[in-house]
Every structure is written in structure tokens, then in C-alpha cells.
PDB file of N, CA and C in Angstrom:
ATOM      1  N   MET A   1     211.873  95.741  99.588  1.00  0.00           N
ATOM      2  CA  MET A   1     210.849  95.219 100.314  1.00  0.00           C
ATOM      3  C   MET A   1     209.457  96.029 100.325  1.00  0.00           C
ATOM      4  N   ALA A   2     209.732  97.361 100.111  1.00  0.00           N
ATOM      5  CA  ALA A   2     208.541  98.257 100.023  1.00  0.00           C
ATOM      6  C   ALA A   2     207.780  97.943  98.765  1.00  0.00           C
ATOM      7  N   LYS A   3     208.630  97.740  97.724  1.00  0.00           N
ATOM      8  CA  LYS A   3     207.966  97.520  96.263  1.00  0.00           C
ATOM      9  C   LYS A   3     207.173  96.312  96.418  1.00  0.00           C
ATOM     10  N   GLN A   4     207.523  95.313  97.153  1.00  0.00           N
ATOM     11  CA  GLN A   4     206.734  94.108  97.215  1.00  0.00           C
ATOM     12  C   GLN A   4     205.470  94.081  98.011  1.00  0.00           C
ATOM     13  N   GLY A   5     205.489  95.056  98.870  1.00  0.00           N
ATOM     14  CA  GLY A   5     204.319  95.071  99.621  1.00  0.00           C
ATOM     15  C   GLY A   5     203.322  96.297  99.360  1.00  0.00           C
ATOM     16  N   PHE A   6     203.628  97.493  99.857  1.00  0.00           N
ATOM     17  CA  PHE A   6     202.625  98.614  99.779  1.00  0.00           C
ATOM     18  C   PHE A   6     203.210  99.710  98.951  1.00  0.00           C
ATOM     19  N   GLY A   7     204.149  99.416  98.043  1.00  0.00           N
ATOM     20  CA  GLY A   7     204.707 100.453  97.164  1.00  0.00           C
ATOM     21  C   GLY A   7     205.819 101.181  97.756  1.00  0.00           C
ATOM     22  N   GLU A   8     205.617 102.302  98.515  1.00  0.00           N
ATOM     23  CA  GLU A   8     206.585 103.052  99.054  1.00  0.00           C
ATOM     24  C   GLU A   8     206.868 102.902 100.633  1.00  0.00           C
ATOM     25  N   LEU A   9     206.042 101.968 101.263  1.00  0.00           N
ATOM     26  CA  LEU A   9     206.270 101.882 102.737  1.00  0.00           C
ATOM     27  C   LEU A   9     206.361 100.470 103.045  1.00  0.00           C
ATOM     28  N   VAL A  10     207.118 100.316 104.288  1.00  0.00           N
ATOM     29  CA  VAL A  10     207.233  99.013 104.929  1.00  0.00           C
ATOM     30  C   VAL A  10     206.646  99.083 106.279  1.00  0.00           C
ATOM     31  N   LYS A  11     205.784  98.176 106.675  1.00  0.00           N
ATOM     32  CA  LYS A  11     205.204  98.202 108.065  1.00  0.00           C
ATOM     33  C   LYS A  11     206.159  97.445 108.914  1.00  0.00           C
ATOM     34  N   ALA A  12     206.296  98.113 110.097  1.00  0.00           N
ATOM     35  CA  ALA A  12     207.231  97.477 111.069  1.00  0.00           C
ATOM     36  C   ALA A  12     206.666  97.612 112.478  1.00  0.00           C
ATOM     37  N   VAL A  13     207.060  96.642 113.360  1.00  0.00           N
ATOM     38  CA  VAL A  13     206.597  96.732 114.767  1.00  0.00           C
ATOM     39  C   VAL A  13     208.008  96.729 115.557  1.00  0.00           C
ATOM     40  N   ILE A  14     208.101  97.584 116.390  1.00  0.00           N
ATOM     41  CA  ILE A  14     209.371  97.732 117.299  1.00  0.00           C
ATOM     42  C   ILE A  14     209.041  97.353 118.764  1.00  0.00           C
ATOM     43  N   ASP A  15     209.884  96.585 119.275  1.00  0.00           N
ATOM     44  CA  ASP A  15     209.789  96.211 120.743  1.00  0.00           C
ATOM     45  C   ASP A  15     210.898  97.257 121.476  1.00  0.00           C
ATOM     46  N   ILE A  16     210.315  98.277 122.083  1.00  0.00           N
ATOM     47  CA  ILE A  16     211.330  99.130 122.703  1.00  0.00           C
ATOM     48  C   ILE A  16     211.988  98.581 124.025  1.00  0.00           C
ATOM     49  N   GLY A  17     211.425  97.526 124.509  1.00  0.00           N
ATOM     50  CA  GLY A  17     212.049  96.798 125.660  1.00  0.00           C
ATOM     51  C   GLY A  17     213.334  96.076 125.294  1.00  0.00           C
ATOM     52  N   GLN A  18     213.140  95.386 124.206  1.00  0.00           N
ATOM     53  CA  GLN A  18     214.222  94.412 123.697  1.00  0.00           C
ATOM     54  C   GLN A  18     215.097  95.079 122.631  1.00  0.00           C
ATOM     55  N   GLY A  19     214.690  96.172 122.096  1.00  0.00           N
ATOM     56  CA  GLY A  19     215.505  96.729 121.017  1.00  0.00           C
ATOM     57  C   GLY A  19     215.333  95.923 119.773  1.00  0.00           C
ATOM     58  N   ILE A  20     214.370  95.302 119.373  1.00  0.00           N
ATOM     59  CA  ILE A  20     214.169  94.482 118.219  1.00  0.00           C
ATOM     60  C   ILE A  20     212.977  94.965 117.430  1.00  0.00           C
ATOM     61  N   MET A  21     212.904  94.498 116.183  1.00  0.00           N
ATOM     62  CA  MET A  21     211.774  94.712 115.301  1.00  0.00           C
ATOM     63  C   MET A  21     211.325  93.660 114.476  1.00  0.00           C
ATOM     64  N   ALA A  22     210.168  93.574 114.005  1.00  0.00           N
ATOM     65  CA  ALA A  22     209.635  92.652 112.956  1.00  0.00           C
ATOM     66  C   ALA A  22     209.144  93.549 111.727  1.00  0.00           C
ATOM     67  N   MET A  23     209.301  93.142 110.469  1.00  0.00           N
ATOM     68  CA  MET A  23     208.873  94.074 109.432  1.00  0.00           C
ATOM     69  C   MET A  23     208.456  93.337 108.296  1.00  0.00           C
ATOM     70  N   GLY A  24     207.589  93.966 107.453  1.00  0.00           N
ATOM     71  CA  GLY A  24     207.270  93.317 106.056  1.00  0.00           C
ATOM     72  C   GLY A  24     205.980  92.627 106.028  1.00  0.00           C
ATOM     73  N   GLY A  25     205.288  92.503 107.161  1.00  0.00           N
ATOM     74  CA  GLY A  25     203.998  91.907 107.048  1.00  0.00           C
ATOM     75  C   GLY A  25     202.901  92.650 106.453  1.00  0.00           C
ATOM     76  N   ASP A  26     201.733  92.155 106.255  1.00  0.00           N
ATOM     77  CA  ASP A  26     200.627  92.975 105.647  1.00  0.00           C
ATOM     78  C   ASP A  26     200.044  93.717 106.684  1.00  0.00           C
ATOM     79  N   PHE A  27     200.037  93.352 107.887  1.00  0.00           N
ATOM     80  CA  PHE A  27     199.339  94.084 109.049  1.00  0.00           C
ATOM     81  C   PHE A  27     200.414  94.157 110.148  1.00  0.00           C
ATOM     82  N   HIS A  28     200.384  95.276 110.800  1.00  0.00           N
ATOM     83  CA  HIS A  28     201.099  95.599 112.058  1.00  0.00           C
ATOM     84  C   HIS A  28     200.855  94.468 113.122  1.00  0.00           C
ATOM     85  N   SER A  29     199.563  94.080 113.234  1.00  0.00           N
ATOM     86  CA  SER A  29     199.178  93.105 114.116  1.00  0.00           C
ATOM     87  C   SER A  29     199.861  91.767 113.995  1.00  0.00           C
ATOM     88  N   ASP A  30     200.172  91.345 112.650  1.00  0.00           N
ATOM     89  CA  ASP A  30     200.752  90.243 112.423  1.00  0.00           C
ATOM     90  C   ASP A  30     202.173  90.097 112.983  1.00  0.00           C
ATOM     91  N   GLU A  31     202.930  91.413 112.729  1.00  0.00           N
ATOM     92  CA  GLU A  31     204.177  91.401 113.247  1.00  0.00           C
ATOM     93  C   GLU A  31     204.248  91.497 114.664  1.00  0.00           C
ATOM     94  N   GLU A  32     203.277  92.044 115.250  1.00  0.00           N
ATOM     95  CA  GLU A  32     203.256  92.192 116.758  1.00  0.00           C
ATOM     96  C   GLU A  32     203.160  90.728 117.359  1.00  0.00           C
ATOM     97  N   VAL A  33     202.216  89.945 116.680  1.00  0.00           N
ATOM     98  CA  VAL A  33     201.929  88.528 117.246  1.00  0.00           C
ATOM     99  C   VAL A  33     203.334  87.834 117.114  1.00  0.00           C
ATOM    100  N   LYS A  34     203.918  87.931 115.980  1.00  0.00           N
ATOM    101  CA  LYS A  34     205.245  87.210 115.686  1.00  0.00           C
ATOM    102  C   LYS A  34     206.337  87.608 116.777  1.00  0.00           C
ATOM    103  N   LEU A  35     206.390  88.881 117.186  1.00  0.00           N
ATOM    104  CA  LEU A  35     207.313  89.322 118.311  1.00  0.00           C
ATOM    105  C   LEU A  35     206.941  88.715 119.619  1.00  0.00           C
ATOM    106  N   MET A  36     205.534  88.672 119.866  1.00  0.00           N
ATOM    107  CA  MET A  36     205.031  88.144 121.230  1.00  0.00           C
ATOM    108  C   MET A  36     205.399  86.723 121.229  1.00  0.00           C
ATOM    109  N   GLU A  37     205.048  85.918 120.224  1.00  0.00           N
ATOM    110  CA  GLU A  37     205.093  84.427 120.278  1.00  0.00           C
ATOM    111  C   GLU A  37     206.673  84.038 120.028  1.00  0.00           C
ATOM    112  N   GLN A  38     207.390  84.636 119.217  1.00  0.00           N
ATOM    113  CA  GLN A  38     208.769  84.150 118.945  1.00  0.00           C
ATOM    114  C   GLN A  38     209.887  84.789 119.831  1.00  0.00           C
ATOM    115  N   GLU A  39     209.459  86.027 120.379  1.00  0.00           N
ATOM    116  CA  GLU A  39     210.614  86.713 121.150  1.00  0.00           C
ATOM    117  C   GLU A  39     210.087  87.027 122.477  1.00  0.00           C
ATOM    118  N   GLY A  40     208.935  86.812 122.972  1.00  0.00           N
ATOM    119  CA  GLY A  40     208.545  87.114 124.227  1.00  0.00           C
ATOM    120  C   GLY A  40     208.179  88.519 124.428  1.00  0.00           C
ATOM    121  N   SER A  41     207.928  89.427 123.370  1.00  0.00           N
ATOM    122  CA  SER A  41     207.563  90.739 123.536  1.00  0.00           C
ATOM    123  C   SER A  41     206.276  90.820 124.378  1.00  0.00           C
ATOM    124  N   LYS A  42     206.148  92.095 124.977  1.00  0.00           N
ATOM    125  CA  LYS A  42     205.007  92.442 125.723  1.00  0.00           C
ATOM    126  C   LYS A  42     204.234  93.530 124.985  1.00  0.00           C
ATOM    127  N   ARG A  43     202.928  93.518 125.199  1.00  0.00           N
ATOM    128  CA  ARG A  43     202.061  94.567 124.468  1.00  0.00           C
ATOM    129  C   ARG A  43     202.364  95.797 124.699  1.00  0.00           C
ATOM    130  N   GLY A  44     202.876  96.320 125.944  1.00  0.00           N
ATOM    131  CA  GLY A  44     203.145  97.634 126.259  1.00  0.00           C
ATOM    132  C   GLY A  44     204.488  98.153 125.650  1.00  0.00           C
ATOM    133  N   GLU A  45     205.101  97.265 125.060  1.00  0.00           N
ATOM    134  CA  GLU A  45     206.392  97.611 124.608  1.00  0.00           C
ATOM    135  C   GLU A  45     206.600  97.559 122.973  1.00  0.00           C
ATOM    136  N   THR A  46     205.510  97.131 122.504  1.00  0.00           N
ATOM    137  CA  THR A  46     205.487  96.946 120.892  1.00  0.00           C
ATOM    138  C   THR A  46     204.670  98.206 120.335  1.00  0.00           C
ATOM    139  N   TRP A  47     205.280  98.662 119.300  1.00  0.00           N
ATOM    140  CA  TRP A  47     204.692  99.884 118.603  1.00  0.00           C
ATOM    141  C   TRP A  47     204.887  99.784 117.109  1.00  0.00           C
ATOM    142  N   GLY A  48     203.727 100.132 116.338  1.00  0.00           N
ATOM    143  CA  GLY A  48     203.670 100.057 115.024  1.00  0.00           C
ATOM    144  C   GLY A  48     204.136 101.271 114.308  1.00  0.00           C
ATOM    145  N   VAL A  49     204.881 101.199 113.170  1.00  0.00           N
ATOM    146  CA  VAL A  49     205.259 102.328 112.370  1.00  0.00           C
ATOM    147  C   VAL A  49     205.240 101.952 111.005  1.00  0.00           C
ATOM    148  N   ASN A  50     205.289 102.905 110.180  1.00  0.00           N
ATOM    149  CA  ASN A  50     205.440 102.731 108.710  1.00  0.00           C
ATOM    150  C   ASN A  50     206.774 103.452 108.303  1.00  0.00           C
ATOM    151  N   ILE A  51     207.628 102.595 107.473  1.00  0.00           N
ATOM    152  CA  ILE A  51     209.009 103.250 107.223  1.00  0.00           C
ATOM    153  C   ILE A  51     208.874 103.542 105.797  1.00  0.00           C
ATOM    154  N   TYR A  52     209.286 104.686 105.229  1.00  0.00           N
ATOM    155  CA  TYR A  52     209.310 105.121 103.968  1.00  0.00           C
ATOM    156  C   TYR A  52     210.788 105.151 103.576  1.00  0.00           C
ATOM    157  N   PRO A  53     211.348 104.152 103.025  1.00  0.00           N
ATOM    158  CA  PRO A  53     212.651 104.081 102.601  1.00  0.00           C
ATOM    159  C   PRO A  53     213.114 105.055 101.548  1.00  0.00           C
ATOM    160  N   GLY A  54     212.311 105.676 100.794  1.00  0.00           N
ATOM    161  CA  GLY A  54     212.766 106.636  99.900  1.00  0.00           C
ATOM    162  C   GLY A  54     212.702 108.179 100.301  1.00  0.00           C
ATOM    163  N   ARG A  55     212.412 108.336 101.626  1.00  0.00           N
ATOM    164  CA  ARG A  55     212.371 109.617 102.156  1.00  0.00           C
ATOM    165  C   ARG A  55     213.661 109.904 102.906  1.00  0.00           C
ATOM    166  N   GLU A  56     213.824 111.107 103.183  1.00  0.00           N
ATOM    167  CA  GLU A  56     215.054 111.550 103.967  1.00  0.00           C
ATOM    168  C   GLU A  56     214.909 110.991 105.309  1.00  0.00           C
ATOM    169  N   ARG A  57     216.133 110.808 106.024  1.00  0.00           N
ATOM    170  CA  ARG A  57     216.177 110.212 107.365  1.00  0.00           C
ATOM    171  C   ARG A  57     215.259 110.872 108.314  1.00  0.00           C
ATOM    172  N   GLY A  58     215.100 112.255 108.289  1.00  0.00           N
ATOM    173  CA  GLY A  58     214.316 112.870 109.281  1.00  0.00           C
ATOM    174  C   GLY A  58     212.814 112.666 109.104  1.00  0.00           C
ATOM    175  N   GLU A  59     212.363 112.182 107.898  1.00  0.00           N
ATOM    176  CA  GLU A  59     210.967 112.086 107.562  1.00  0.00           C
ATOM    177  C   GLU A  59     210.606 110.723 107.136  1.00  0.00           C
ATOM    178  N   TRP A  60     211.397 109.733 107.471  1.00  0.00           N
ATOM    179  CA  TRP A  60     211.177 108.323 106.979  1.00  0.00           C
ATOM    180  C   TRP A  60     210.132 107.525 107.795  1.00  0.00           C
ATOM    181  N   ILE A  61     209.866 107.953 109.100  1.00  0.00           N
ATOM    182  CA  ILE A  61     209.133 107.221 110.062  1.00  0.00           C
ATOM    183  C   ILE A  61     207.778 107.817 110.301  1.00  0.00           C
ATOM    184  N   GLU A  62     206.857 107.011 110.134  1.00  0.00           N
ATOM    185  CA  GLU A  62     205.438 107.536 110.369  1.00  0.00           C
ATOM    186  C   GLU A  62     204.822 106.600 111.577  1.00  0.00           C
ATOM    187  N   PHE A  63     204.496 107.331 112.639  1.00  0.00           N
ATOM    188  CA  PHE A  63     204.099 106.648 113.919  1.00  0.00           C
ATOM    189  C   PHE A  63     202.636 106.431 113.895  1.00  0.00           C
ATOM    190  N   ASP A  64     202.094 105.644 112.892  1.00  0.00           N
ATOM    191  CA  ASP A  64     200.687 105.345 112.755  1.00  0.00           C
ATOM    192  C   ASP A  64     200.265 103.895 112.623  1.00  0.00           C
ATOM    193  N   SER A  65     199.532 103.385 113.571  1.00  0.00           N
ATOM    194  CA  SER A  65     199.215 101.922 113.507  1.00  0.00           C
ATOM    195  C   SER A  65     198.052 101.726 114.480  1.00  0.00           C
ATOM    196  N   MET A  66     197.113 100.757 114.161  1.00  0.00           N
ATOM    197  CA  MET A  66     195.976 100.487 114.961  1.00  0.00           C
ATOM    198  C   MET A  66     196.560  99.864 116.329  1.00  0.00           C
ATOM    199  N   ILE A  67     197.724  99.141 116.258  1.00  0.00           N
ATOM    200  CA  ILE A  67     198.145  98.465 117.426  1.00  0.00           C
ATOM    201  C   ILE A  67     198.626  99.467 118.500  1.00  0.00           C
ATOM    202  N   ASN A  68     198.865 100.719 117.987  1.00  0.00           N
ATOM    203  CA  ASN A  68     199.311 101.811 118.985  1.00  0.00           C
ATOM    204  C   ASN A  68     198.222 102.271 119.839  1.00  0.00           C
ATOM    205  N   ILE A  69     196.954 101.804 119.672  1.00  0.00           N
ATOM    206  CA  ILE A  69     195.862 102.346 120.540  1.00  0.00           C
ATOM    207  C   ILE A  69     196.004 101.502 121.744  1.00  0.00           C
ATOM    208  N   LYS A  70     196.408 102.027 122.885  1.00  0.00           N
ATOM    209  CA  LYS A  70     196.559 101.228 123.980  1.00  0.00           C
ATOM    210  C   LYS A  70     196.225 102.035 125.312  1.00  0.00           C
ATOM    211  N   PRO A  71     194.910 102.253 125.578  1.00  0.00           N
ATOM    212  CA  PRO A  71     194.616 103.049 126.706  1.00  0.00           C
ATOM    213  C   PRO A  71     195.174 102.707 128.006  1.00  0.00           C
ATOM    214  N   SER A  72     195.367 101.409 128.241  1.00  0.00           N
ATOM    215  CA  SER A  72     196.040 100.977 129.468  1.00  0.00           C
ATOM    216  C   SER A  72     197.471 101.411 129.669  1.00  0.00           C
ATOM    217  N   PHE A  73     197.972 101.984 128.541  1.00  0.00           N
ATOM    218  CA  PHE A  73     199.416 102.358 128.572  1.00  0.00           C
ATOM    219  C   PHE A  73     199.406 103.936 128.260  1.00  0.00           C
ATOM    220  N   ASN A  74     198.308 104.545 128.426  1.00  0.00           N
ATOM    221  CA  ASN A  74     198.134 106.057 128.274  1.00  0.00           C
ATOM    222  C   ASN A  74     198.413 106.472 126.787  1.00  0.00           C
ATOM    223  N   ASN A  75     198.045 105.512 125.697  1.00  0.00           N
ATOM    224  CA  ASN A  75     198.097 105.977 124.247  1.00  0.00           C
ATOM    225  C   ASN A  75     196.765 105.883 123.810  1.00  0.00           C
ATOM    226  N   TYR A  76     196.071 106.822 123.396  1.00  0.00           N
ATOM    227  CA  TYR A  76     194.656 106.786 123.057  1.00  0.00           C
ATOM    228  C   TYR A  76     194.469 106.978 121.625  1.00  0.00           C
ATOM    229  N   SER A  77     195.535 106.927 120.792  1.00  0.00           N
ATOM    230  CA  SER A  77     195.281 107.054 119.326  1.00  0.00           C
ATOM    231  C   SER A  77     196.284 106.106 118.551  1.00  0.00           C
ATOM    232  N   ARG A  78     196.088 106.124 117.220  1.00  0.00           N
ATOM    233  CA  ARG A  78     196.965 105.393 116.358  1.00  0.00           C
ATOM    234  C   ARG A  78     198.398 105.908 116.338  1.00  0.00           C
ATOM    235  N   ASP A  79     198.601 107.053 116.792  1.00  0.00           N
ATOM    236  CA  ASP A  79     199.785 107.770 116.891  1.00  0.00           C
ATOM    237  C   ASP A  79     200.617 107.285 118.090  1.00  0.00           C
ATOM    238  N   VAL A  80     201.895 107.387 118.117  1.00  0.00           N
ATOM    239  CA  VAL A  80     202.744 107.206 119.323  1.00  0.00           C
ATOM    240  C   VAL A  80     202.764 108.425 119.983  1.00  0.00           C
ATOM    241  N   GLU A  81     202.016 108.724 121.091  1.00  0.00           N
ATOM    242  CA  GLU A  81     201.856 109.998 121.689  1.00  0.00           C
ATOM    243  C   GLU A  81     203.080 110.371 122.576  1.00  0.00           C
ATOM    244  N   SER A  82     203.739 109.485 123.151  1.00  0.00           N
ATOM    245  CA  SER A  82     204.902 109.803 124.164  1.00  0.00           C
ATOM    246  C   SER A  82     206.104 110.196 123.400  1.00  0.00           C
ATOM    247  N   PRO A  83     206.671 111.348 123.635  1.00  0.00           N
ATOM    248  CA  PRO A  83     207.845 111.771 122.965  1.00  0.00           C
ATOM    249  C   PRO A  83     209.113 110.832 123.403  1.00  0.00           C
ATOM    250  N   GLU A  84     208.959 110.373 124.600  1.00  0.00           N
ATOM    251  CA  GLU A  84     210.215 109.377 125.050  1.00  0.00           C
ATOM    252  C   GLU A  84     209.958 108.025 124.182  1.00  0.00           C
ATOM    253  N   THR A  85     208.838 107.642 124.020  1.00  0.00           N
ATOM    254  CA  THR A  85     208.690 106.292 123.223  1.00  0.00           C
ATOM    255  C   THR A  85     209.012 106.599 121.801  1.00  0.00           C
ATOM    256  N   ARG A  86     208.719 107.714 121.171  1.00  0.00           N
ATOM    257  CA  ARG A  86     209.121 107.971 119.907  1.00  0.00           C
ATOM    258  C   ARG A  86     210.534 108.081 119.677  1.00  0.00           C
ATOM    259  N   LEU A  87     211.253 108.633 120.731  1.00  0.00           N
ATOM    260  CA  LEU A  87     212.713 108.667 120.626  1.00  0.00           C
ATOM    261  C   LEU A  87     213.375 107.302 120.642  1.00  0.00           C
ATOM    262  N   LYS A  88     212.818 106.461 121.551  1.00  0.00           N
ATOM    263  CA  LYS A  88     213.334 104.994 121.663  1.00  0.00           C
ATOM    264  C   LYS A  88     213.094 104.360 120.246  1.00  0.00           C
ATOM    265  N   ILE A  89     211.903 104.532 119.637  1.00  0.00           N
ATOM    266  CA  ILE A  89     211.654 103.883 118.365  1.00  0.00           C
ATOM    267  C   ILE A  89     212.677 104.439 117.337  1.00  0.00           C
ATOM    268  N   LYS A  90     212.924 105.577 117.232  1.00  0.00           N
ATOM    269  CA  LYS A  90     213.816 106.255 116.243  1.00  0.00           C
ATOM    270  C   LYS A  90     215.225 105.640 116.583  1.00  0.00           C
ATOM    271  N   ASP A  91     215.639 105.640 117.775  1.00  0.00           N
ATOM    272  CA  ASP A  91     216.989 105.120 118.148  1.00  0.00           C
ATOM    273  C   ASP A  91     217.241 103.658 117.640  1.00  0.00           C
ATOM    274  N   ILE A  92     216.109 102.867 117.905  1.00  0.00           N
ATOM    275  CA  ILE A  92     216.358 101.440 117.537  1.00  0.00           C
ATOM    276  C   ILE A  92     216.264 101.371 115.966  1.00  0.00           C
ATOM    277  N   LEU A  93     215.389 102.108 115.385  1.00  0.00           N
ATOM    278  CA  LEU A  93     215.381 102.014 113.843  1.00  0.00           C
ATOM    279  C   LEU A  93     216.695 102.537 113.186  1.00  0.00           C
ATOM    280  N   ASN A  94     217.204 103.614 113.756  1.00  0.00           N
ATOM    281  CA  ASN A  94     218.465 104.223 113.283  1.00  0.00           C
ATOM    282  C   ASN A  94     219.556 103.105 113.427  1.00  0.00           C
ATOM    283  N   ARG A  95     219.481 102.364 114.493  1.00  0.00           N
ATOM    284  CA  ARG A  95     220.576 101.256 114.698  1.00  0.00           C
ATOM    285  C   ARG A  95     220.330 100.173 113.715  1.00  0.00           C
ATOM    286  N   LEU A  96     219.000  99.681 113.499  1.00  0.00           N
ATOM    287  CA  LEU A  96     218.691  98.430 112.790  1.00  0.00           C
ATOM    288  C   LEU A  96     218.677  98.611 111.259  1.00  0.00           C
ATOM    289  N   VAL A  97     218.216  99.739 110.800  1.00  0.00           N
ATOM    290  CA  VAL A  97     217.923  99.912 109.428  1.00  0.00           C
ATOM    291  C   VAL A  97     219.129 100.782 108.716  1.00  0.00           C
ATOM    292  N   ILE A  98     219.520 100.048 107.717  1.00  0.00           N
ATOM    293  CA  ILE A  98     220.690 100.570 106.937  1.00  0.00           C
ATOM    294  C   ILE A  98     220.215 101.212 105.709  1.00  0.00           C
ATOM    295  N   ASP A  99     220.798 102.293 105.213  1.00  0.00           N
ATOM    296  CA  ASP A  99     220.453 102.972 103.984  1.00  0.00           C
ATOM    297  C   ASP A  99     220.604 102.029 102.801  1.00  0.00           C
TER     298      ASP A  99
END
């Protein structure tokens, strides 16, 4: 999937409330809309990441996306600032993504 899109990375959006994700779109925002429209996801529970399948498991997730800028949810940057939210994202990805 990475080779078809951006070379070494795959864009994904995780819904930490439902424990689901969408991946493979050109933009995180497209995947976020898909989750909202098709799965009933809420803005405060969707977070964008980049997955690097070729990297070691400890370094394969990059918490960087424009959809992560959510001042009303105390996230003021493209990064996922909350350690608790990062942990939820990692847990979901470790459950859903197989080597």
C-alpha cells in the first residue's frame, strides 16, 4: 500500500473511541470524512498518523497531520500532544496492523 501512495508511508486516521481506522487516502482529511460519514466517528476522537511499514515497530508511527490541530480538544499542533491519546492510537494500530 505504501509503494502505491507515498513511497514509504501510509496515511491513516484512527478513531480512538471506536477502535477503528481508515487508511490509504491521499489526505488524512479524506479518511476522517470517510470515518465520520460511514462509521459515525466524532471529530474529537479521530487522529491522523503516518505509518512507515518498513521501520521497526517502535518507530513506525508518526503522529503528524493537519487534522490533529484541534484547539477545542486541547491539541494545538499537527502532533498528537496527549500521551494518553498516543497510547490509545498505538494500542489500536498494534491490534489492527499485521506485519
